[in-house]
Amino acid sequence: MGLDAEALELSLPNAVTRAAASLLKAAQVAGLSIATAESCTGGLLASLLTDIEGASDAFERGFIAYSKQAKCDLLGVSHSMIDNCGAVSEPVARAMAQGALARSNASLAIAITGFAGPAGPGDEPGLVHFACAAQEIAIRHRVEHFGDIGRGPTRIACLRVALEMLGDVLAAAKGRSRAA
């Protein structure tokens, strides 16, 4: 196991940090909170969100479920689902998002599971599944094929997708609360 210097030199584009700040502000104004369930990003999204002043008003908690066992223990993903579908799959991403929502006080949750770098035999480098859940809103799923672009760039690309999905679900949640 080698040290990946590229992963240690990760620097976030200004657009990503601005998007995170905007998302947190919108969640705060709406009175909603966010939980993250991260695998291949290793807590990077939670770290980004908590780097923003006032984050505690909208960021509820983060789960880092890097291993298969952690996905089961922390988020309630079933061993059989992981065995049958694979840890990097749509069903597991959806279950991670549901688990984060159920095991937190958050209004919405985002899950990220994938291969940030070279994967095992037969696995696709850069394959990442995302799922976003909110109370009374259908879980949204998205799959990305970032390719073999490296761990750091894949993780940054994951942040962009996750922030976009959270923003979309936040808008839908706000719309539901206004309609109620």
N, C-alpha and C. Protein backbone atom coordinates (compact mmCIF):
# COMPACT_ATOMS: atom_id res chain seq x y z
N MET A 1 0.86 -1.17 0.00
CA MET A 1 0.00 0.00 0.00
C MET A 1 0.90 1.23 0.00
N GLY A 2 0.80 2.01 -1.03
CA GLY A 2 1.65 3.20 -1.16
C GLY A 2 0.92 4.46 -0.76
N LEU A 3 1.68 5.46 -0.47
CA LEU A 3 1.13 6.77 -0.15
C LEU A 3 0.84 7.51 -1.44
N ASP A 4 -0.34 8.04 -1.58
CA ASP A 4 -0.75 8.75 -2.78
C ASP A 4 -0.56 10.24 -2.54
N ALA A 5 0.58 10.78 -2.98
CA ALA A 5 0.89 12.19 -2.74
C ALA A 5 -0.17 13.10 -3.36
N GLU A 6 -0.75 12.66 -4.48
CA GLU A 6 -1.77 13.47 -5.14
C GLU A 6 -2.96 13.67 -4.21
N ALA A 7 -3.36 12.63 -3.48
CA ALA A 7 -4.50 12.75 -2.57
C ALA A 7 -4.19 13.72 -1.44
N LEU A 8 -2.92 13.81 -1.03
CA LEU A 8 -2.55 14.70 0.06
C LEU A 8 -2.48 16.16 -0.38
N GLU A 9 -2.34 16.38 -1.66
CA GLU A 9 -2.21 17.74 -2.18
C GLU A 9 -3.54 18.29 -2.67
N LEU A 10 -4.61 17.68 -2.25
CA LEU A 10 -5.94 18.07 -2.68
C LEU A 10 -6.21 19.53 -2.34
N SER A 11 -6.56 20.30 -3.36
CA SER A 11 -6.99 21.67 -3.08
C SER A 11 -8.31 21.87 -3.80
N LEU A 12 -9.24 22.45 -3.11
CA LEU A 12 -10.59 22.57 -3.63
C LEU A 12 -10.76 23.83 -4.46
N PRO A 13 -11.39 23.69 -5.61
CA PRO A 13 -11.67 24.88 -6.42
C PRO A 13 -12.62 25.82 -5.69
N ASN A 14 -12.44 27.10 -5.90
CA ASN A 14 -13.29 28.10 -5.26
C ASN A 14 -14.77 27.89 -5.55
N ALA A 15 -15.09 27.42 -6.76
CA ALA A 15 -16.49 27.19 -7.11
C ALA A 15 -17.12 26.13 -6.22
N VAL A 16 -16.35 25.14 -5.81
CA VAL A 16 -16.87 24.09 -4.94
C VAL A 16 -17.14 24.64 -3.54
N THR A 17 -16.22 25.42 -3.02
CA THR A 17 -16.43 25.97 -1.68
C THR A 17 -17.58 26.99 -1.68
N ARG A 18 -17.72 27.74 -2.75
CA ARG A 18 -18.85 28.68 -2.86
C ARG A 18 -20.18 27.92 -2.92
N ALA A 19 -20.20 26.83 -3.68
CA ALA A 19 -21.42 26.02 -3.79
C ALA A 19 -21.80 25.43 -2.44
N ALA A 20 -20.81 24.99 -1.68
CA ALA A 20 -21.07 24.44 -0.34
C ALA A 20 -21.63 25.51 0.58
N ALA A 21 -21.05 26.70 0.56
CA ALA A 21 -21.54 27.79 1.40
C ALA A 21 -22.96 28.17 1.02
N SER A 22 -23.24 28.22 -0.26
CA SER A 22 -24.58 28.56 -0.74
C SER A 22 -25.59 27.50 -0.32
N LEU A 23 -25.22 26.24 -0.41
CA LEU A 23 -26.09 25.15 0.00
C LEU A 23 -26.41 25.25 1.49
N LEU A 24 -25.40 25.45 2.31
CA LEU A 24 -25.62 25.55 3.75
C LEU A 24 -26.52 26.73 4.09
N LYS A 25 -26.32 27.84 3.43
CA LYS A 25 -27.15 29.02 3.69
C LYS A 25 -28.61 28.73 3.32
N ALA A 26 -28.81 28.10 2.18
CA ALA A 26 -30.18 27.77 1.75
C ALA A 26 -30.83 26.79 2.72
N ALA A 27 -30.07 25.81 3.21
CA ALA A 27 -30.61 24.86 4.17
C ALA A 27 -30.96 25.56 5.48
N GLN A 28 -30.09 26.45 5.91
CA GLN A 28 -30.32 27.20 7.14
C GLN A 28 -31.59 28.05 7.03
N VAL A 29 -31.73 28.76 5.94
CA VAL A 29 -32.91 29.60 5.72
C VAL A 29 -34.19 28.76 5.70
N ALA A 30 -34.09 27.56 5.12
CA ALA A 30 -35.26 26.67 5.03
C ALA A 30 -35.51 25.91 6.33
N GLY A 31 -34.58 26.01 7.26
CA GLY A 31 -34.73 25.27 8.51
C GLY A 31 -34.49 23.78 8.36
N LEU A 32 -33.68 23.42 7.39
CA LEU A 32 -33.39 22.01 7.12
C LEU A 32 -31.93 21.70 7.44
N SER A 33 -31.67 20.43 7.72
CA SER A 33 -30.30 20.03 8.05
C SER A 33 -29.87 18.86 7.18
N ILE A 34 -28.55 18.68 7.09
CA ILE A 34 -27.93 17.73 6.16
C ILE A 34 -27.10 16.72 6.92
N ALA A 35 -27.15 15.46 6.45
CA ALA A 35 -26.23 14.41 6.90
C ALA A 35 -25.53 13.85 5.66
N THR A 36 -24.30 13.42 5.84
CA THR A 36 -23.56 12.79 4.75
C THR A 36 -23.21 11.36 5.12
N ALA A 37 -23.20 10.50 4.12
CA ALA A 37 -22.78 9.10 4.26
C ALA A 37 -21.75 8.87 3.16
N GLU A 38 -20.48 8.86 3.54
CA GLU A 38 -19.41 8.85 2.54
C GLU A 38 -18.56 7.59 2.62
N SER A 39 -18.24 7.08 1.46
CA SER A 39 -17.31 5.97 1.36
C SER A 39 -16.05 6.46 0.65
N CYS A 40 -16.07 6.52 -0.67
CA CYS A 40 -14.85 6.83 -1.43
C CYS A 40 -14.33 8.25 -1.20
N THR A 41 -15.16 9.14 -0.69
CA THR A 41 -14.70 10.49 -0.40
C THR A 41 -14.14 10.62 1.01
N GLY A 42 -14.29 9.58 1.82
CA GLY A 42 -13.65 9.51 3.13
C GLY A 42 -13.92 10.68 4.06
N GLY A 43 -15.08 11.29 3.97
CA GLY A 43 -15.42 12.41 4.84
C GLY A 43 -15.08 13.77 4.26
N LEU A 44 -14.64 13.81 3.02
CA LEU A 44 -14.25 15.08 2.41
C LEU A 44 -15.44 16.05 2.31
N LEU A 45 -16.62 15.53 1.99
CA LEU A 45 -17.79 16.42 1.90
C LEU A 45 -18.13 16.99 3.28
N ALA A 46 -18.13 16.14 4.30
CA ALA A 46 -18.40 16.64 5.66
C ALA A 46 -17.35 17.66 6.07
N SER A 47 -16.11 17.41 5.73
CA SER A 47 -15.03 18.35 6.05
C SER A 47 -15.25 19.68 5.35
N LEU A 48 -15.60 19.62 4.08
CA LEU A 48 -15.88 20.85 3.32
C LEU A 48 -17.01 21.64 3.98
N LEU A 49 -18.08 20.96 4.33
CA LEU A 49 -19.22 21.64 4.92
C LEU A 49 -18.89 22.24 6.28
N THR A 50 -18.11 21.52 7.08
CA THR A 50 -17.79 22.03 8.42
C THR A 50 -16.69 23.07 8.41
N ASP A 51 -16.04 23.25 7.29
CA ASP A 51 -15.06 24.34 7.17
C ASP A 51 -15.74 25.70 7.02
N ILE A 52 -17.04 25.70 6.77
CA ILE A 52 -17.78 26.93 6.54
C ILE A 52 -18.35 27.43 7.86
N GLU A 53 -18.08 28.68 8.15
CA GLU A 53 -18.56 29.29 9.39
C GLU A 53 -20.08 29.19 9.48
N GLY A 54 -20.57 28.78 10.63
CA GLY A 54 -22.00 28.64 10.85
C GLY A 54 -22.58 27.33 10.35
N ALA A 55 -21.73 26.38 9.98
CA ALA A 55 -22.19 25.12 9.41
C ALA A 55 -23.10 24.35 10.36
N SER A 56 -22.89 24.49 11.65
CA SER A 56 -23.68 23.71 12.60
C SER A 56 -25.17 24.05 12.55
N ASP A 57 -25.51 25.16 11.96
CA ASP A 57 -26.92 25.51 11.80
C ASP A 57 -27.61 24.64 10.75
N ALA A 58 -26.82 24.04 9.84
CA ALA A 58 -27.42 23.26 8.75
C ALA A 58 -26.79 21.89 8.55
N PHE A 59 -25.60 21.65 9.08
CA PHE A 59 -24.97 20.34 8.92
C PHE A 59 -25.16 19.56 10.22
N GLU A 60 -25.86 18.43 10.13
CA GLU A 60 -26.22 17.68 11.33
C GLU A 60 -25.14 16.68 11.71
N ARG A 61 -24.69 15.86 10.76
CA ARG A 61 -23.61 14.89 11.04
C ARG A 61 -23.16 14.23 9.76
N GLY A 62 -21.99 13.59 9.89
CA GLY A 62 -21.43 12.83 8.78
C GLY A 62 -21.05 11.44 9.22
N PHE A 63 -21.30 10.48 8.33
CA PHE A 63 -20.90 9.10 8.53
C PHE A 63 -19.82 8.77 7.52
N ILE A 64 -18.69 8.27 7.99
CA ILE A 64 -17.67 7.78 7.07
C ILE A 64 -17.75 6.26 7.13
N ALA A 65 -18.28 5.68 6.07
CA ALA A 65 -18.50 4.24 6.00
C ALA A 65 -17.65 3.70 4.85
N TYR A 66 -16.35 3.65 5.07
CA TYR A 66 -15.42 3.30 4.02
C TYR A 66 -15.43 1.80 3.71
N SER A 67 -15.53 0.98 4.73
CA SER A 67 -15.52 -0.47 4.51
C SER A 67 -16.95 -0.99 4.36
N LYS A 68 -17.04 -2.22 3.87
CA LYS A 68 -18.35 -2.86 3.76
C LYS A 68 -18.98 -3.00 5.14
N GLN A 69 -18.18 -3.42 6.12
CA GLN A 69 -18.70 -3.61 7.47
C GLN A 69 -19.20 -2.29 8.06
N ALA A 70 -18.49 -1.21 7.80
CA ALA A 70 -18.93 0.09 8.30
C ALA A 70 -20.27 0.49 7.70
N LYS A 71 -20.49 0.17 6.44
CA LYS A 71 -21.78 0.48 5.81
C LYS A 71 -22.90 -0.25 6.55
N CYS A 72 -22.63 -1.48 6.96
CA CYS A 72 -23.62 -2.27 7.71
C CYS A 72 -23.80 -1.72 9.12
N ASP A 73 -22.69 -1.53 9.84
CA ASP A 73 -22.74 -1.10 11.24
C ASP A 73 -23.31 0.30 11.41
N LEU A 74 -22.81 1.25 10.63
CA LEU A 74 -23.19 2.65 10.83
C LEU A 74 -24.51 3.03 10.16
N LEU A 75 -24.78 2.42 9.01
CA LEU A 75 -25.91 2.87 8.20
C LEU A 75 -27.02 1.83 8.03
N GLY A 76 -26.79 0.63 8.55
CA GLY A 76 -27.82 -0.40 8.48
C GLY A 76 -27.96 -1.06 7.12
N VAL A 77 -26.96 -0.93 6.25
CA VAL A 77 -27.00 -1.62 4.97
C VAL A 77 -26.86 -3.12 5.26
N SER A 78 -27.64 -3.94 4.60
CA SER A 78 -27.58 -5.37 4.89
C SER A 78 -26.37 -6.02 4.22
N HIS A 79 -25.81 -7.00 4.92
CA HIS A 79 -24.68 -7.75 4.36
C HIS A 79 -25.10 -8.42 3.05
N SER A 80 -26.32 -8.94 3.01
CA SER A 80 -26.77 -9.63 1.79
C SER A 80 -26.87 -8.67 0.62
N MET A 81 -27.27 -7.42 0.86
CA MET A 81 -27.32 -6.46 -0.23
C MET A 81 -25.92 -6.20 -0.78
N ILE A 82 -24.97 -6.02 0.11
CA ILE A 82 -23.59 -5.78 -0.34
C ILE A 82 -23.06 -7.00 -1.09
N ASP A 83 -23.32 -8.21 -0.56
CA ASP A 83 -22.87 -9.44 -1.21
C ASP A 83 -23.50 -9.61 -2.58
N ASN A 84 -24.78 -9.30 -2.70
CA ASN A 84 -25.51 -9.52 -3.96
C ASN A 84 -25.31 -8.41 -4.98
N CYS A 85 -25.20 -7.17 -4.51
CA CYS A 85 -25.16 -6.02 -5.43
C CYS A 85 -23.77 -5.41 -5.56
N GLY A 86 -22.93 -5.61 -4.54
CA GLY A 86 -21.63 -4.95 -4.49
C GLY A 86 -21.73 -3.67 -3.69
N ALA A 87 -20.63 -3.34 -3.01
CA ALA A 87 -20.61 -2.12 -2.18
C ALA A 87 -20.74 -0.86 -3.02
N VAL A 88 -20.35 -0.94 -4.27
CA VAL A 88 -20.47 0.19 -5.19
C VAL A 88 -21.61 -0.14 -6.15
N SER A 89 -22.81 0.26 -5.77
CA SER A 89 -24.00 -0.06 -6.57
C SER A 89 -25.12 0.91 -6.21
N GLU A 90 -26.10 0.97 -7.07
CA GLU A 90 -27.26 1.82 -6.80
C GLU A 90 -28.01 1.40 -5.53
N PRO A 91 -28.32 0.09 -5.36
CA PRO A 91 -29.05 -0.27 -4.14
C PRO A 91 -28.30 0.10 -2.85
N VAL A 92 -26.99 -0.07 -2.84
CA VAL A 92 -26.21 0.25 -1.64
C VAL A 92 -26.19 1.76 -1.41
N ALA A 93 -26.03 2.53 -2.46
CA ALA A 93 -26.05 4.00 -2.31
C ALA A 93 -27.39 4.45 -1.74
N ARG A 94 -28.48 3.90 -2.26
CA ARG A 94 -29.81 4.25 -1.76
C ARG A 94 -29.96 3.86 -0.29
N ALA A 95 -29.49 2.66 0.06
CA ALA A 95 -29.59 2.20 1.45
C ALA A 95 -28.72 3.05 2.38
N MET A 96 -27.57 3.49 1.90
CA MET A 96 -26.72 4.37 2.69
C MET A 96 -27.43 5.69 2.97
N ALA A 97 -28.06 6.26 1.96
CA ALA A 97 -28.78 7.54 2.14
C ALA A 97 -29.94 7.36 3.11
N GLN A 98 -30.70 6.28 2.95
CA GLN A 98 -31.81 6.00 3.86
C GLN A 98 -31.29 5.81 5.29
N GLY A 99 -30.19 5.08 5.43
CA GLY A 99 -29.61 4.83 6.74
C GLY A 99 -29.15 6.11 7.41
N ALA A 100 -28.51 6.99 6.64
CA ALA A 100 -28.05 8.27 7.20
C ALA A 100 -29.23 9.12 7.66
N LEU A 101 -30.29 9.10 6.90
CA LEU A 101 -31.49 9.86 7.27
C LEU A 101 -32.12 9.26 8.53
N ALA A 102 -32.21 7.93 8.57
CA ALA A 102 -32.85 7.25 9.71
C ALA A 102 -32.02 7.33 10.99
N ARG A 103 -30.70 7.41 10.85
CA ARG A 103 -29.81 7.38 12.02
C ARG A 103 -29.27 8.76 12.37
N SER A 104 -30.01 9.78 11.96
CA SER A 104 -29.62 11.15 12.28
C SER A 104 -30.89 11.95 12.53
N ASN A 105 -30.70 13.20 12.82
CA ASN A 105 -31.83 14.13 12.94
C ASN A 105 -31.90 15.05 11.72
N ALA A 106 -31.23 14.65 10.65
CA ALA A 106 -31.16 15.48 9.45
C ALA A 106 -32.46 15.42 8.65
N SER A 107 -32.67 16.47 7.88
CA SER A 107 -33.82 16.55 6.98
C SER A 107 -33.52 15.91 5.64
N LEU A 108 -32.25 15.93 5.23
CA LEU A 108 -31.83 15.31 3.99
C LEU A 108 -30.45 14.71 4.15
N ALA A 109 -30.20 13.67 3.34
CA ALA A 109 -28.92 12.96 3.43
C ALA A 109 -28.42 12.62 2.04
N ILE A 110 -27.12 12.68 1.89
CA ILE A 110 -26.45 12.32 0.64
C ILE A 110 -25.52 11.15 0.92
N ALA A 111 -25.50 10.19 0.01
CA ALA A 111 -24.60 9.04 0.11
C ALA A 111 -23.72 8.98 -1.12
N ILE A 112 -22.45 8.61 -0.90
CA ILE A 112 -21.48 8.51 -1.98
C ILE A 112 -20.72 7.20 -1.79
N THR A 113 -20.73 6.34 -2.80
CA THR A 113 -19.96 5.10 -2.76
C THR A 113 -19.38 4.84 -4.14
N GLY A 114 -18.10 4.55 -4.19
CA GLY A 114 -17.49 4.34 -5.50
C GLY A 114 -16.03 3.96 -5.41
N PHE A 115 -15.39 3.99 -6.56
CA PHE A 115 -13.96 3.71 -6.69
C PHE A 115 -13.25 5.00 -7.08
N ALA A 116 -12.59 5.62 -6.12
CA ALA A 116 -11.90 6.89 -6.40
C ALA A 116 -10.63 6.67 -7.19
N GLY A 117 -10.02 5.53 -7.04
CA GLY A 117 -8.77 5.23 -7.74
C GLY A 117 -8.86 3.88 -8.40
N PRO A 118 -7.71 3.30 -8.69
CA PRO A 118 -7.71 1.97 -9.30
C PRO A 118 -8.49 0.99 -8.41
N ALA A 119 -9.38 0.28 -9.04
CA ALA A 119 -10.23 -0.65 -8.30
C ALA A 119 -9.68 -2.07 -8.47
N GLY A 120 -10.39 -3.01 -7.91
CA GLY A 120 -9.99 -4.40 -8.04
C GLY A 120 -10.24 -4.93 -9.44
N PRO A 121 -9.83 -6.16 -9.68
CA PRO A 121 -10.06 -6.77 -11.00
C PRO A 121 -11.54 -6.75 -11.37
N GLY A 122 -11.84 -6.26 -12.54
CA GLY A 122 -13.22 -6.19 -13.01
C GLY A 122 -13.99 -4.97 -12.53
N ASP A 123 -13.38 -4.16 -11.65
CA ASP A 123 -14.03 -2.95 -11.17
C ASP A 123 -13.60 -1.75 -12.02
N GLU A 124 -14.47 -0.79 -12.14
CA GLU A 124 -14.23 0.37 -13.00
C GLU A 124 -13.71 1.56 -12.20
N PRO A 125 -12.46 1.98 -12.45
CA PRO A 125 -11.96 3.17 -11.75
C PRO A 125 -12.84 4.38 -12.07
N GLY A 126 -13.17 5.15 -11.04
CA GLY A 126 -13.98 6.35 -11.24
C GLY A 126 -15.48 6.12 -11.28
N LEU A 127 -15.92 4.87 -11.06
CA LEU A 127 -17.36 4.59 -10.99
C LEU A 127 -17.85 5.01 -9.61
N VAL A 128 -18.85 5.90 -9.56
CA VAL A 128 -19.37 6.37 -8.28
C VAL A 128 -20.89 6.46 -8.36
N HIS A 129 -21.53 5.92 -7.30
CA HIS A 129 -22.98 6.01 -7.15
C HIS A 129 -23.30 7.01 -6.05
N PHE A 130 -24.28 7.85 -6.30
CA PHE A 130 -24.76 8.85 -5.36
C PHE A 130 -26.24 8.61 -5.11
N ALA A 131 -26.68 8.86 -3.90
CA ALA A 131 -28.12 8.83 -3.60
C ALA A 131 -28.41 9.94 -2.61
N CYS A 132 -29.55 10.58 -2.79
CA CYS A 132 -29.94 11.67 -1.91
C CYS A 132 -31.36 11.41 -1.44
N ALA A 133 -31.53 11.45 -0.12
CA ALA A 133 -32.83 11.16 0.48
C ALA A 133 -33.29 12.34 1.33
N ALA A 134 -34.59 12.51 1.39
CA ALA A 134 -35.20 13.52 2.26
C ALA A 134 -36.54 12.99 2.72
N GLN A 135 -37.03 13.53 3.82
CA GLN A 135 -38.33 13.12 4.33
C GLN A 135 -39.40 13.35 3.27
N GLU A 136 -40.20 12.33 3.00
CA GLU A 136 -41.36 12.41 2.11
C GLU A 136 -41.03 12.78 0.66
N ILE A 137 -39.78 12.53 0.25
CA ILE A 137 -39.38 12.76 -1.15
C ILE A 137 -38.70 11.49 -1.63
N ALA A 138 -39.00 11.07 -2.85
CA ALA A 138 -38.38 9.86 -3.40
C ALA A 138 -36.86 10.01 -3.44
N ILE A 139 -36.18 8.96 -3.09
CA ILE A 139 -34.72 8.98 -3.13
C ILE A 139 -34.26 9.17 -4.57
N ARG A 140 -33.30 10.03 -4.73
CA ARG A 140 -32.73 10.29 -6.06
C ARG A 140 -31.37 9.60 -6.17
N HIS A 141 -31.13 9.00 -7.31
CA HIS A 141 -29.87 8.30 -7.56
C HIS A 141 -29.20 8.88 -8.80
N ARG A 142 -27.89 8.84 -8.77
CA ARG A 142 -27.11 9.26 -9.93
C ARG A 142 -25.84 8.43 -9.97
N VAL A 143 -25.44 8.02 -11.14
CA VAL A 143 -24.19 7.28 -11.31
C VAL A 143 -23.28 8.10 -12.22
N GLU A 144 -22.01 8.13 -11.87
CA GLU A 144 -21.03 8.85 -12.68
C GLU A 144 -19.89 7.90 -13.03
N HIS A 145 -19.38 8.07 -14.23
CA HIS A 145 -18.22 7.30 -14.70
C HIS A 145 -17.11 8.34 -14.96
N PHE A 146 -16.39 8.68 -13.90
CA PHE A 146 -15.36 9.72 -14.01
C PHE A 146 -14.12 9.24 -14.74
N GLY A 147 -13.93 7.94 -14.80
CA GLY A 147 -12.75 7.38 -15.46
C GLY A 147 -11.57 7.34 -14.51
N ASP A 148 -10.46 6.93 -15.03
CA ASP A 148 -9.23 6.77 -14.23
C ASP A 148 -8.48 8.10 -14.18
N ILE A 149 -9.08 9.09 -13.50
CA ILE A 149 -8.51 10.44 -13.46
C ILE A 149 -7.69 10.69 -12.20
N GLY A 150 -7.66 9.70 -11.30
CA GLY A 150 -6.90 9.85 -10.07
C GLY A 150 -7.82 10.07 -8.88
N ARG A 151 -7.33 9.73 -7.70
CA ARG A 151 -8.13 9.81 -6.48
C ARG A 151 -8.58 11.24 -6.15
N GLY A 152 -7.65 12.18 -6.17
CA GLY A 152 -7.99 13.56 -5.84
C GLY A 152 -9.02 14.15 -6.78
N PRO A 153 -8.78 14.10 -8.09
CA PRO A 153 -9.77 14.65 -9.02
C PRO A 153 -11.13 13.95 -8.95
N THR A 154 -11.13 12.65 -8.70
CA THR A 154 -12.41 11.94 -8.57
C THR A 154 -13.16 12.43 -7.34
N ARG A 155 -12.46 12.59 -6.25
CA ARG A 155 -13.10 13.05 -5.01
C ARG A 155 -13.66 14.47 -5.17
N ILE A 156 -12.93 15.34 -5.85
CA ILE A 156 -13.44 16.70 -6.10
C ILE A 156 -14.68 16.65 -7.00
N ALA A 157 -14.63 15.80 -8.03
CA ALA A 157 -15.79 15.64 -8.91
C ALA A 157 -16.99 15.14 -8.11
N CYS A 158 -16.75 14.26 -7.14
CA CYS A 158 -17.82 13.76 -6.27
C CYS A 158 -18.44 14.90 -5.47
N LEU A 159 -17.61 15.81 -4.98
CA LEU A 159 -18.14 16.95 -4.22
C LEU A 159 -19.10 17.76 -5.08
N ARG A 160 -18.71 18.01 -6.31
CA ARG A 160 -19.57 18.81 -7.21
C ARG A 160 -20.93 18.14 -7.40
N VAL A 161 -20.91 16.84 -7.68
CA VAL A 161 -22.16 16.11 -7.91
C VAL A 161 -23.00 16.09 -6.63
N ALA A 162 -22.38 15.80 -5.50
CA ALA A 162 -23.12 15.72 -4.23
C ALA A 162 -23.76 17.06 -3.88
N LEU A 163 -23.03 18.15 -4.05
CA LEU A 163 -23.58 19.47 -3.76
C LEU A 163 -24.75 19.80 -4.69
N GLU A 164 -24.62 19.43 -5.95
CA GLU A 164 -25.70 19.66 -6.92
C GLU A 164 -26.94 18.86 -6.52
N MET A 165 -26.75 17.58 -6.18
CA MET A 165 -27.89 16.74 -5.80
C MET A 165 -28.55 17.27 -4.52
N LEU A 166 -27.75 17.63 -3.55
CA LEU A 166 -28.30 18.18 -2.31
C LEU A 166 -29.10 19.45 -2.60
N GLY A 167 -28.58 20.30 -3.47
CA GLY A 167 -29.30 21.52 -3.83
C GLY A 167 -30.63 21.22 -4.49
N ASP A 168 -30.66 20.23 -5.37
CA ASP A 168 -31.91 19.86 -6.03
C ASP A 168 -32.94 19.32 -5.04
N VAL A 169 -32.48 18.44 -4.14
CA VAL A 169 -33.39 17.85 -3.16
C VAL A 169 -33.82 18.90 -2.14
N LEU A 170 -32.93 19.80 -1.78
CA LEU A 170 -33.28 20.89 -0.87
C LEU A 170 -34.39 21.75 -1.49
N ALA A 171 -34.26 22.07 -2.76
CA ALA A 171 -35.29 22.86 -3.45
C ALA A 171 -36.62 22.11 -3.46
N ALA A 172 -36.59 20.81 -3.69
CA ALA A 172 -37.81 20.01 -3.70
C ALA A 172 -38.43 19.95 -2.30
N ALA A 173 -37.59 19.82 -1.28
CA ALA A 173 -38.08 19.78 0.11
C ALA A 173 -38.71 21.12 0.50
N LYS A 174 -38.08 22.20 0.09
CA LYS A 174 -38.64 23.54 0.38
C LYS A 174 -39.98 23.69 -0.33
N GLY A 175 -40.06 23.21 -1.55
CA GLY A 175 -41.30 23.30 -2.31
C GLY A 175 -42.43 22.51 -1.67
N ARG A 176 -42.10 21.34 -1.12
CA ARG A 176 -43.10 20.53 -0.42
C ARG A 176 -43.60 21.22 0.85
N SER A 177 -42.66 21.85 1.57
CA SER A 177 -43.07 22.49 2.82
C SER A 177 -43.94 23.71 2.55
N ARG A 178 -43.72 24.39 1.43
CA ARG A 178 -44.56 25.54 1.07
C ARG A 178 -45.95 25.09 0.63
N ALA A 179 -46.01 23.91 -0.03
CA ALA A 179 -47.28 23.41 -0.53
C ALA A 179 -48.15 22.82 0.59
N ALA A 180 -47.51 22.44 1.69
CA ALA A 180 -48.25 21.79 2.79
C ALA A 180 -49.08 22.75 3.60
